[in-house]
Amino acid sequence: MTNPTSKNAMRNGSSVRVSLGITCSVPDCKKRVRTGSYFCINHGGGLRCTHPRCKAAARDGSLHCIKHGGGRRCAANNCGKGAVGNTDLCKTHGGGRRCLHPNCGAPARSGGKVQMCQRHGGGKRCKVEGCDRVAAARSDHCTLHRKPAASPAEPQVTSEPVLLDERWAKAPWFILDGPLSEEREEP
């Protein structure tokens, strides 16, 4: 019996199963589901790379992600990188979308101005009003405006020192509390 969410399609000579327009089950996700799943590739649908400890999506009918040898390879001599888009080349050798600015052949970035490189306005920009800097990876802000995420593993600061062992009870106060300050007198 066939899966009602997918159909067979030919791509690069191999049979690939694609969805029939059903979107991912994750709220606010508009991407199409992968074969035999109710989720898009970003939310766990589809095959995963079989390389140990790799959770990336397997590519183009292989059992590996691009990083571990799956998918199409760059056609340039001695290049093992993955081919980008509808080209047979990696970004380094001219594959993928290119910046449309005159005399610029840099790779285009998604977000920002359509089909432009980072220098000419492509890529995600900082959300702070008046800032035109590029947003940092996995952030809505540039490195100047990005706030460090609070780590749940950081210990809570208390006013009382916490003694880890009886031996520390006899240690001088400056070992426990840090450098000497003007407000504190020596014992």
N, C-alpha and C. Protein backbone atom coordinates (compact mmCIF):
# COMPACT_ATOMS: atom_id res chain seq x y z
N MET A 1 0.84 -1.18 0.00
CA MET A 1 0.00 0.00 0.00
C MET A 1 0.89 1.24 0.00
N THR A 2 0.51 2.27 -0.72
CA THR A 2 1.32 3.48 -0.81
C THR A 2 0.94 4.47 0.27
N ASN A 3 1.89 5.29 0.61
CA ASN A 3 1.67 6.32 1.61
C ASN A 3 0.88 7.46 0.98
N PRO A 4 -0.25 7.89 1.56
CA PRO A 4 -1.05 8.95 0.96
C PRO A 4 -0.38 10.31 1.01
N THR A 5 0.71 10.46 1.79
CA THR A 5 1.37 11.76 1.88
C THR A 5 2.50 11.93 0.89
N SER A 6 2.77 10.92 0.04
CA SER A 6 3.91 11.04 -0.86
C SER A 6 3.66 10.38 -2.20
N LYS A 7 4.55 10.69 -3.15
CA LYS A 7 4.54 10.04 -4.46
C LYS A 7 5.98 9.88 -4.92
N ASN A 8 6.22 9.02 -5.89
CA ASN A 8 7.56 8.83 -6.42
C ASN A 8 7.88 9.91 -7.43
N ALA A 9 9.13 10.36 -7.43
CA ALA A 9 9.60 11.35 -8.39
C ALA A 9 11.01 10.97 -8.80
N MET A 10 11.42 11.35 -10.00
CA MET A 10 12.77 11.06 -10.46
C MET A 10 13.63 12.30 -10.27
N ARG A 11 14.79 12.12 -9.63
CA ARG A 11 15.73 13.21 -9.45
C ARG A 11 17.12 12.64 -9.58
N ASN A 12 17.89 13.15 -10.50
CA ASN A 12 19.26 12.70 -10.74
C ASN A 12 19.35 11.20 -10.97
N GLY A 13 18.36 10.63 -11.63
CA GLY A 13 18.39 9.22 -11.97
C GLY A 13 17.97 8.29 -10.87
N SER A 14 17.69 8.80 -9.68
CA SER A 14 17.26 7.92 -8.59
C SER A 14 15.83 8.28 -8.18
N SER A 15 15.13 7.30 -7.70
CA SER A 15 13.76 7.52 -7.28
C SER A 15 13.75 8.16 -5.90
N VAL A 16 13.07 9.27 -5.77
CA VAL A 16 12.97 10.00 -4.51
C VAL A 16 11.50 10.17 -4.18
N ARG A 17 11.13 9.95 -2.93
CA ARG A 17 9.74 10.13 -2.54
C ARG A 17 9.55 11.55 -2.03
N VAL A 18 8.52 12.22 -2.52
CA VAL A 18 8.24 13.59 -2.11
C VAL A 18 6.81 13.69 -1.60
N SER A 19 6.55 14.72 -0.81
CA SER A 19 5.21 14.89 -0.24
C SER A 19 4.26 15.48 -1.27
N LEU A 20 2.98 15.37 -0.98
CA LEU A 20 1.95 15.90 -1.88
C LEU A 20 1.42 17.24 -1.40
N GLY A 21 2.21 18.00 -0.67
CA GLY A 21 1.81 19.32 -0.23
C GLY A 21 1.32 19.38 1.20
N ILE A 22 1.38 18.27 1.92
CA ILE A 22 0.97 18.28 3.32
C ILE A 22 2.08 18.92 4.13
N THR A 23 1.71 19.86 5.01
CA THR A 23 2.73 20.58 5.78
C THR A 23 3.02 19.90 7.11
N CYS A 24 4.14 20.25 7.68
CA CYS A 24 4.65 19.70 8.93
C CYS A 24 3.65 19.87 10.07
N SER A 25 3.64 18.91 10.99
CA SER A 25 2.72 18.93 12.13
C SER A 25 3.14 19.89 13.23
N VAL A 26 4.35 20.42 13.17
CA VAL A 26 4.80 21.37 14.19
C VAL A 26 4.10 22.71 13.94
N PRO A 27 3.51 23.31 14.99
CA PRO A 27 2.80 24.58 14.81
C PRO A 27 3.69 25.65 14.18
N ASP A 28 3.13 26.43 13.28
CA ASP A 28 3.79 27.53 12.57
C ASP A 28 4.87 27.08 11.58
N CYS A 29 5.03 25.80 11.33
CA CYS A 29 5.99 25.32 10.33
C CYS A 29 5.24 25.11 9.02
N LYS A 30 5.71 25.72 7.96
CA LYS A 30 5.04 25.65 6.66
C LYS A 30 5.72 24.70 5.68
N LYS A 31 6.74 23.98 6.13
CA LYS A 31 7.48 23.08 5.24
C LYS A 31 6.71 21.80 4.99
N ARG A 32 7.01 21.15 3.87
CA ARG A 32 6.33 19.90 3.52
C ARG A 32 6.87 18.73 4.33
N VAL A 33 5.98 17.77 4.60
CA VAL A 33 6.38 16.58 5.36
C VAL A 33 7.26 15.68 4.49
N ARG A 34 8.04 14.82 5.15
CA ARG A 34 8.85 13.84 4.45
C ARG A 34 8.07 12.53 4.37
N THR A 35 8.50 11.66 3.50
CA THR A 35 7.82 10.39 3.27
C THR A 35 7.62 9.59 4.55
N GLY A 36 6.42 9.08 4.72
CA GLY A 36 6.12 8.21 5.86
C GLY A 36 6.15 8.92 7.20
N SER A 37 6.03 10.23 7.19
CA SER A 37 6.13 10.99 8.42
C SER A 37 5.13 12.13 8.39
N TYR A 38 4.90 12.73 9.51
CA TYR A 38 4.06 13.92 9.58
C TYR A 38 4.89 15.15 9.90
N PHE A 39 6.21 15.04 9.68
CA PHE A 39 7.12 16.13 10.00
C PHE A 39 8.04 16.44 8.82
N CYS A 40 8.51 17.69 8.75
CA CYS A 40 9.48 18.09 7.73
C CYS A 40 10.87 17.59 8.15
N ILE A 41 11.85 17.78 7.30
CA ILE A 41 13.20 17.30 7.58
C ILE A 41 13.79 17.99 8.80
N ASN A 42 13.45 19.28 9.03
CA ASN A 42 13.98 20.01 10.18
C ASN A 42 13.43 19.51 11.51
N HIS A 43 12.24 18.94 11.49
CA HIS A 43 11.59 18.50 12.73
C HIS A 43 11.57 16.98 12.87
N GLY A 44 12.47 16.29 12.21
CA GLY A 44 12.65 14.86 12.42
C GLY A 44 12.08 13.94 11.36
N GLY A 45 11.47 14.48 10.32
CA GLY A 45 10.94 13.63 9.26
C GLY A 45 12.05 13.16 8.33
N GLY A 46 11.82 12.07 7.62
CA GLY A 46 12.77 11.57 6.64
C GLY A 46 13.89 10.75 7.24
N LEU A 47 14.74 10.23 6.36
CA LEU A 47 15.87 9.40 6.79
C LEU A 47 16.97 10.25 7.41
N ARG A 48 17.69 9.67 8.34
CA ARG A 48 18.81 10.34 9.00
C ARG A 48 20.12 9.66 8.60
N CYS A 49 21.20 10.41 8.68
CA CYS A 49 22.54 9.90 8.36
C CYS A 49 22.86 8.72 9.28
N THR A 50 23.49 7.68 8.72
CA THR A 50 23.82 6.50 9.50
C THR A 50 25.21 6.57 10.14
N HIS A 51 25.92 7.67 9.94
CA HIS A 51 27.23 7.85 10.56
C HIS A 51 27.02 7.97 12.08
N PRO A 52 27.90 7.36 12.89
CA PRO A 52 27.71 7.42 14.35
C PRO A 52 27.60 8.85 14.88
N ARG A 53 26.65 9.09 15.74
CA ARG A 53 26.38 10.37 16.42
C ARG A 53 26.00 11.51 15.48
N CYS A 54 25.65 11.23 14.25
CA CYS A 54 25.21 12.28 13.33
C CYS A 54 23.69 12.23 13.21
N LYS A 55 23.05 13.39 13.36
CA LYS A 55 21.59 13.45 13.31
C LYS A 55 21.09 14.23 12.10
N ALA A 56 21.99 14.54 11.16
CA ALA A 56 21.61 15.30 9.97
C ALA A 56 20.79 14.42 9.02
N ALA A 57 20.10 15.07 8.10
CA ALA A 57 19.26 14.36 7.14
C ALA A 57 20.11 13.66 6.09
N ALA A 58 19.74 12.42 5.77
CA ALA A 58 20.39 11.69 4.67
C ALA A 58 19.95 12.35 3.37
N ARG A 59 20.83 12.38 2.36
CA ARG A 59 20.57 13.13 1.15
C ARG A 59 20.46 12.27 -0.09
N ASP A 60 19.54 12.63 -0.97
CA ASP A 60 19.40 12.07 -2.31
C ASP A 60 19.43 10.54 -2.36
N GLY A 61 18.67 9.89 -1.50
CA GLY A 61 18.55 8.45 -1.54
C GLY A 61 19.71 7.68 -0.95
N SER A 62 20.72 8.37 -0.41
CA SER A 62 21.84 7.66 0.21
C SER A 62 21.55 7.51 1.70
N LEU A 63 22.46 6.89 2.39
CA LEU A 63 22.30 6.69 3.83
C LEU A 63 23.13 7.68 4.64
N HIS A 64 23.66 8.72 3.97
CA HIS A 64 24.52 9.68 4.65
C HIS A 64 24.11 11.12 4.32
N CYS A 65 24.50 12.04 5.22
CA CYS A 65 24.29 13.47 4.98
C CYS A 65 25.39 13.97 4.05
N ILE A 66 25.32 15.23 3.64
CA ILE A 66 26.33 15.82 2.76
C ILE A 66 27.72 15.72 3.40
N LYS A 67 27.83 16.03 4.69
CA LYS A 67 29.12 16.03 5.38
C LYS A 67 29.79 14.66 5.36
N HIS A 68 29.00 13.59 5.42
CA HIS A 68 29.56 12.25 5.47
C HIS A 68 29.49 11.51 4.14
N GLY A 69 29.38 12.24 3.03
CA GLY A 69 29.49 11.63 1.71
C GLY A 69 28.19 11.37 0.98
N GLY A 70 27.07 11.74 1.55
CA GLY A 70 25.80 11.55 0.86
C GLY A 70 25.52 12.67 -0.13
N GLY A 71 24.57 12.46 -0.98
CA GLY A 71 24.18 13.49 -1.95
C GLY A 71 25.15 13.63 -3.10
N ARG A 72 24.91 14.63 -3.93
CA ARG A 72 25.76 14.86 -5.10
C ARG A 72 27.05 15.55 -4.68
N ARG A 73 28.14 15.25 -5.35
CA ARG A 73 29.45 15.83 -5.07
C ARG A 73 29.81 16.87 -6.11
N CYS A 74 30.67 17.80 -5.75
CA CYS A 74 31.15 18.84 -6.65
C CYS A 74 31.92 18.21 -7.80
N ALA A 75 31.69 18.72 -9.02
CA ALA A 75 32.32 18.17 -10.22
C ALA A 75 33.73 18.70 -10.44
N ALA A 76 34.19 19.69 -9.65
CA ALA A 76 35.54 20.21 -9.80
C ALA A 76 36.56 19.15 -9.39
N ASN A 77 37.72 19.16 -10.02
CA ASN A 77 38.76 18.17 -9.73
C ASN A 77 39.19 18.23 -8.27
N ASN A 78 39.33 17.06 -7.66
CA ASN A 78 39.81 16.91 -6.29
C ASN A 78 39.00 17.67 -5.25
N CYS A 79 37.73 17.86 -5.49
CA CYS A 79 36.86 18.52 -4.52
C CYS A 79 35.82 17.52 -4.03
N GLY A 80 35.76 17.32 -2.74
CA GLY A 80 34.83 16.36 -2.17
C GLY A 80 33.61 17.00 -1.53
N LYS A 81 33.44 18.31 -1.70
CA LYS A 81 32.31 19.00 -1.08
C LYS A 81 31.01 18.66 -1.81
N GLY A 82 29.91 18.93 -1.15
CA GLY A 82 28.60 18.67 -1.74
C GLY A 82 28.22 19.71 -2.78
N ALA A 83 27.59 19.27 -3.87
CA ALA A 83 27.10 20.19 -4.89
C ALA A 83 25.91 20.97 -4.32
N VAL A 84 25.74 22.21 -4.77
CA VAL A 84 24.70 23.09 -4.23
C VAL A 84 23.64 23.40 -5.27
N GLY A 85 22.39 23.32 -4.85
CA GLY A 85 21.26 23.68 -5.72
C GLY A 85 21.18 22.81 -6.95
N ASN A 86 20.81 23.42 -8.07
CA ASN A 86 20.66 22.70 -9.33
C ASN A 86 21.96 22.64 -10.13
N THR A 87 23.08 22.97 -9.50
CA THR A 87 24.37 22.95 -10.18
C THR A 87 25.14 21.70 -9.79
N ASP A 88 26.24 21.44 -10.49
CA ASP A 88 27.10 20.30 -10.17
C ASP A 88 28.35 20.76 -9.43
N LEU A 89 28.30 21.96 -8.84
CA LEU A 89 29.46 22.52 -8.16
C LEU A 89 29.12 22.92 -6.73
N CYS A 90 30.15 22.99 -5.87
CA CYS A 90 29.97 23.49 -4.51
C CYS A 90 30.01 25.02 -4.56
N LYS A 91 29.75 25.69 -3.44
CA LYS A 91 29.76 27.16 -3.42
C LYS A 91 31.14 27.72 -3.77
N THR A 92 32.19 27.06 -3.31
CA THR A 92 33.55 27.52 -3.58
C THR A 92 33.85 27.56 -5.08
N HIS A 93 33.35 26.58 -5.83
CA HIS A 93 33.63 26.49 -7.26
C HIS A 93 32.53 27.09 -8.13
N GLY A 94 31.64 27.87 -7.55
CA GLY A 94 30.63 28.59 -8.34
C GLY A 94 29.24 27.99 -8.33
N GLY A 95 28.98 27.01 -7.50
CA GLY A 95 27.65 26.42 -7.45
C GLY A 95 26.68 27.24 -6.62
N GLY A 96 25.42 26.97 -6.78
CA GLY A 96 24.38 27.67 -6.02
C GLY A 96 24.07 29.05 -6.58
N ARG A 97 23.20 29.76 -5.88
CA ARG A 97 22.82 31.10 -6.31
C ARG A 97 23.96 32.08 -6.09
N ARG A 98 24.10 33.04 -6.99
CA ARG A 98 25.16 34.04 -6.91
C ARG A 98 24.57 35.42 -6.74
N CYS A 99 25.34 36.33 -6.16
CA CYS A 99 24.92 37.71 -5.94
C CYS A 99 24.62 38.39 -7.28
N LEU A 100 23.51 39.12 -7.33
CA LEU A 100 23.11 39.80 -8.57
C LEU A 100 23.71 41.19 -8.71
N HIS A 101 24.47 41.64 -7.73
CA HIS A 101 25.11 42.96 -7.82
C HIS A 101 26.14 42.92 -8.94
N PRO A 102 26.24 43.99 -9.75
CA PRO A 102 27.20 44.00 -10.87
C PRO A 102 28.63 43.73 -10.41
N ASN A 103 29.35 42.92 -11.15
CA ASN A 103 30.74 42.55 -10.89
C ASN A 103 30.96 41.83 -9.56
N CYS A 104 29.95 41.17 -9.06
CA CYS A 104 30.09 40.41 -7.81
C CYS A 104 29.63 38.98 -8.08
N GLY A 105 30.46 38.02 -7.78
CA GLY A 105 30.10 36.62 -8.01
C GLY A 105 30.06 35.83 -6.72
N ALA A 106 29.96 36.53 -5.59
CA ALA A 106 29.94 35.85 -4.29
C ALA A 106 28.65 35.06 -4.11
N PRO A 107 28.66 34.02 -3.27
CA PRO A 107 27.43 33.26 -3.03
C PRO A 107 26.35 34.14 -2.40
N ALA A 108 25.12 33.97 -2.88
CA ALA A 108 24.00 34.72 -2.33
C ALA A 108 23.62 34.13 -0.98
N ARG A 109 23.13 34.98 -0.08
CA ARG A 109 22.70 34.55 1.25
C ARG A 109 21.19 34.64 1.31
N SER A 110 20.55 33.70 2.01
CA SER A 110 19.10 33.76 2.16
C SER A 110 18.76 34.82 3.20
N GLY A 111 17.57 35.40 3.09
CA GLY A 111 17.17 36.48 3.98
C GLY A 111 17.70 37.79 3.45
N GLY A 112 17.28 38.90 4.02
CA GLY A 112 17.74 40.21 3.57
C GLY A 112 17.30 40.47 2.14
N LYS A 113 18.11 41.20 1.38
CA LYS A 113 17.80 41.46 -0.02
C LYS A 113 17.89 40.15 -0.79
N VAL A 114 16.95 39.95 -1.69
CA VAL A 114 16.87 38.69 -2.42
C VAL A 114 18.07 38.53 -3.35
N GLN A 115 18.69 37.38 -3.29
CA GLN A 115 19.82 36.96 -4.11
C GLN A 115 20.96 37.97 -4.12
N MET A 116 21.39 38.35 -2.93
CA MET A 116 22.56 39.21 -2.77
C MET A 116 23.50 38.56 -1.77
N CYS A 117 24.79 38.87 -1.89
CA CYS A 117 25.75 38.36 -0.93
C CYS A 117 25.65 39.18 0.36
N GLN A 118 26.36 38.77 1.37
CA GLN A 118 26.31 39.46 2.66
C GLN A 118 26.75 40.92 2.53
N ARG A 119 27.79 41.17 1.75
CA ARG A 119 28.31 42.53 1.58
C ARG A 119 27.29 43.47 0.94
N HIS A 120 26.46 42.94 0.04
CA HIS A 120 25.49 43.78 -0.68
C HIS A 120 24.07 43.70 -0.11
N GLY A 121 23.94 43.24 1.11
CA GLY A 121 22.63 43.27 1.79
C GLY A 121 21.93 41.95 1.93
N GLY A 122 22.53 40.87 1.47
CA GLY A 122 21.91 39.56 1.63
C GLY A 122 22.13 39.02 3.03
N GLY A 123 21.39 38.02 3.39
CA GLY A 123 21.52 37.40 4.71
C GLY A 123 20.64 38.07 5.74
N LYS A 124 20.47 37.39 6.84
CA LYS A 124 19.63 37.86 7.93
C LYS A 124 20.30 39.05 8.61
N ARG A 125 19.51 40.08 8.93
CA ARG A 125 20.04 41.30 9.55
C ARG A 125 19.58 41.43 11.00
N CYS A 126 20.32 42.20 11.76
CA CYS A 126 20.00 42.46 13.17
C CYS A 126 18.64 43.12 13.29
N LYS A 127 17.86 42.69 14.30
CA LYS A 127 16.50 43.21 14.50
C LYS A 127 16.46 44.54 15.24
N VAL A 128 17.59 45.01 15.77
CA VAL A 128 17.60 46.28 16.49
C VAL A 128 17.42 47.41 15.47
N GLU A 129 16.49 48.31 15.77
CA GLU A 129 16.18 49.39 14.85
C GLU A 129 17.41 50.27 14.61
N GLY A 130 17.70 50.53 13.35
CA GLY A 130 18.84 51.35 12.99
C GLY A 130 20.14 50.59 12.80
N CYS A 131 20.16 49.31 13.13
CA CYS A 131 21.37 48.50 12.97
C CYS A 131 21.24 47.69 11.68
N ASP A 132 22.25 47.78 10.81
CA ASP A 132 22.23 47.07 9.53
C ASP A 132 23.27 45.96 9.49
N ARG A 133 23.76 45.56 10.66
CA ARG A 133 24.77 44.50 10.71
C ARG A 133 24.14 43.14 10.48
N VAL A 134 24.96 42.17 10.11
CA VAL A 134 24.50 40.80 9.86
C VAL A 134 24.20 40.13 11.20
N ALA A 135 23.07 39.41 11.26
CA ALA A 135 22.70 38.69 12.48
C ALA A 135 23.65 37.52 12.70
N ALA A 136 23.97 37.26 13.94
CA ALA A 136 24.84 36.13 14.30
C ALA A 136 24.10 34.82 14.05
N ALA A 137 24.84 33.75 13.95
CA ALA A 137 24.25 32.43 13.70
C ALA A 137 23.23 32.09 14.77
N ARG A 138 22.09 31.57 14.35
CA ARG A 138 20.99 31.16 15.23
C ARG A 138 20.56 32.26 16.19
N SER A 139 20.55 33.50 15.69
CA SER A 139 20.16 34.64 16.51
C SER A 139 19.44 35.66 15.65
N ASP A 140 18.66 36.52 16.28
CA ASP A 140 18.01 37.61 15.57
C ASP A 140 18.79 38.90 15.69
N HIS A 141 19.96 38.85 16.31
CA HIS A 141 20.73 40.06 16.56
C HIS A 141 22.19 39.87 16.14
N CYS A 142 22.86 40.99 15.87
CA CYS A 142 24.29 40.96 15.54
C CYS A 142 25.08 40.66 16.82
N THR A 143 26.38 40.48 16.68
CA THR A 143 27.20 40.17 17.85
C THR A 143 27.24 41.34 18.84
N LEU A 144 27.03 42.55 18.36
CA LEU A 144 27.02 43.72 19.24
C LEU A 144 25.76 43.78 20.10
N HIS A 145 24.61 43.38 19.54
CA HIS A 145 23.33 43.48 20.26
C HIS A 145 22.83 42.16 20.83
N ARG A 146 23.52 41.08 20.58
CA ARG A 146 23.09 39.78 21.08
C ARG A 146 23.39 39.68 22.56
N LYS A 147 22.41 39.22 23.31
CA LYS A 147 22.59 39.03 24.75
C LYS A 147 22.97 37.58 24.98
N PRO A 148 23.96 37.32 25.83
CA PRO A 148 24.32 35.93 26.09
C PRO A 148 23.17 35.19 26.77
N ALA A 149 22.95 33.97 26.34
CA ALA A 149 21.88 33.16 26.92
C ALA A 149 22.28 32.72 28.32
N ALA A 150 21.32 32.80 29.23
CA ALA A 150 21.58 32.36 30.60
C ALA A 150 21.67 30.85 30.61
N SER A 151 22.74 30.35 31.15
CA SER A 151 22.94 28.91 31.19
C SER A 151 22.30 28.35 32.46
N PRO A 152 21.44 27.32 32.32
CA PRO A 152 20.84 26.74 33.51
C PRO A 152 21.88 26.02 34.38
N ALA A 153 23.05 25.73 33.83
CA ALA A 153 24.08 25.03 34.58
C ALA A 153 24.90 25.97 35.47
N GLU A 154 24.76 27.30 35.28
CA GLU A 154 25.52 28.24 36.09
C GLU A 154 25.01 28.23 37.53
N PRO A 155 25.91 28.23 38.50
CA PRO A 155 25.47 28.21 39.89
C PRO A 155 24.85 29.54 40.30
N GLN A 156 23.95 29.49 41.24
CA GLN A 156 23.34 30.69 41.77
C GLN A 156 24.35 31.37 42.70
N VAL A 157 24.48 32.68 42.61
CA VAL A 157 25.40 33.42 43.46
C VAL A 157 24.67 33.73 44.76
N THR A 158 25.31 33.41 45.86
CA THR A 158 24.73 33.69 47.17
C THR A 158 25.70 34.56 47.95
N SER A 159 25.20 35.22 48.99
CA SER A 159 26.06 36.08 49.79
C SER A 159 26.92 35.28 50.76
N GLU A 160 26.49 34.09 51.11
CA GLU A 160 27.24 33.24 52.03
C GLU A 160 28.11 32.26 51.25
N PRO A 161 29.37 32.09 51.64
CA PRO A 161 30.21 31.11 50.95
C PRO A 161 29.73 29.70 51.24
N VAL A 162 29.81 28.86 50.26
CA VAL A 162 29.43 27.46 50.41
C VAL A 162 30.71 26.66 50.57
N LEU A 163 30.85 26.01 51.71
CA LEU A 163 32.05 25.22 51.98
C LEU A 163 31.84 23.81 51.47
N LEU A 164 32.70 23.38 50.57
CA LEU A 164 32.57 22.07 49.97
C LEU A 164 33.11 20.97 50.87
N ASP A 165 33.96 21.35 51.81
CA ASP A 165 34.62 20.35 52.63
C ASP A 165 35.01 21.02 53.95
N GLU A 166 35.18 20.24 55.00
CA GLU A 166 35.58 20.77 56.30
C GLU A 166 36.94 21.46 56.22
N ARG A 167 37.81 20.99 55.32
CA ARG A 167 39.15 21.58 55.21
C ARG A 167 39.09 23.04 54.80
N TRP A 168 38.07 23.44 54.03
CA TRP A 168 37.96 24.82 53.56
C TRP A 168 37.52 25.77 54.67
N ALA A 169 36.99 25.24 55.78
CA ALA A 169 36.53 26.10 56.87
C ALA A 169 37.68 26.88 57.49
N LYS A 170 38.90 26.35 57.43
CA LYS A 170 40.05 27.02 58.03
C LYS A 170 40.85 27.83 57.00
N ALA A 171 40.39 27.88 55.75
CA ALA A 171 41.12 28.60 54.70
C ALA A 171 40.99 30.10 54.92
N PRO A 172 42.02 30.89 54.56
CA PRO A 172 41.91 32.35 54.68
C PRO A 172 40.74 32.85 53.84
N TRP A 173 40.09 33.94 54.27
CA TRP A 173 38.89 34.44 53.61
C TRP A 173 39.15 34.84 52.17
N PHE A 174 40.38 35.31 51.82
CA PHE A 174 40.62 35.77 50.45
C PHE A 174 40.66 34.63 49.45
N ILE A 175 40.87 33.41 49.92
CA ILE A 175 40.80 32.27 49.00
C ILE A 175 39.35 31.99 48.65
N LEU A 176 38.47 32.14 49.63
CA LEU A 176 37.05 31.86 49.41
C LEU A 176 36.33 32.99 48.69
N ASP A 177 36.68 34.23 49.02
CA ASP A 177 35.91 35.37 48.52
C ASP A 177 36.58 36.13 47.39
N GLY A 178 37.76 35.78 47.00
CA GLY A 178 38.40 36.48 45.90
C GLY A 178 39.40 37.51 46.38
N PRO A 179 39.76 38.47 45.52
CA PRO A 179 40.81 39.43 45.85
C PRO A 179 40.38 40.40 46.95
N LEU A 180 41.36 41.01 47.56
CA LEU A 180 41.16 41.97 48.63
C LEU A 180 40.43 43.19 48.10
N SER A 181 39.47 43.69 48.84
CA SER A 181 38.75 44.90 48.42
C SER A 181 38.95 45.98 49.47
N GLU A 182 38.64 47.22 49.13
CA GLU A 182 38.81 48.34 50.06
C GLU A 182 37.80 48.28 51.19
N GLU A 183 36.64 47.73 50.95
CA GLU A 183 35.58 47.70 51.96
C GLU A 183 35.86 46.67 53.05
N ARG A 184 36.66 45.70 52.76
CA ARG A 184 36.87 44.59 53.68
C ARG A 184 38.21 44.74 54.39
N GLU A 185 38.24 44.48 55.67
CA GLU A 185 39.48 44.54 56.42
C GLU A 185 40.11 43.17 56.49
N GLU A 186 41.43 43.15 56.60
CA GLU A 186 42.11 41.87 56.75
C GLU A 186 41.86 41.33 58.15
N PRO A 187 41.82 39.99 58.33
CA PRO A 187 41.58 39.43 59.67
C PRO A 187 42.76 39.57 60.60
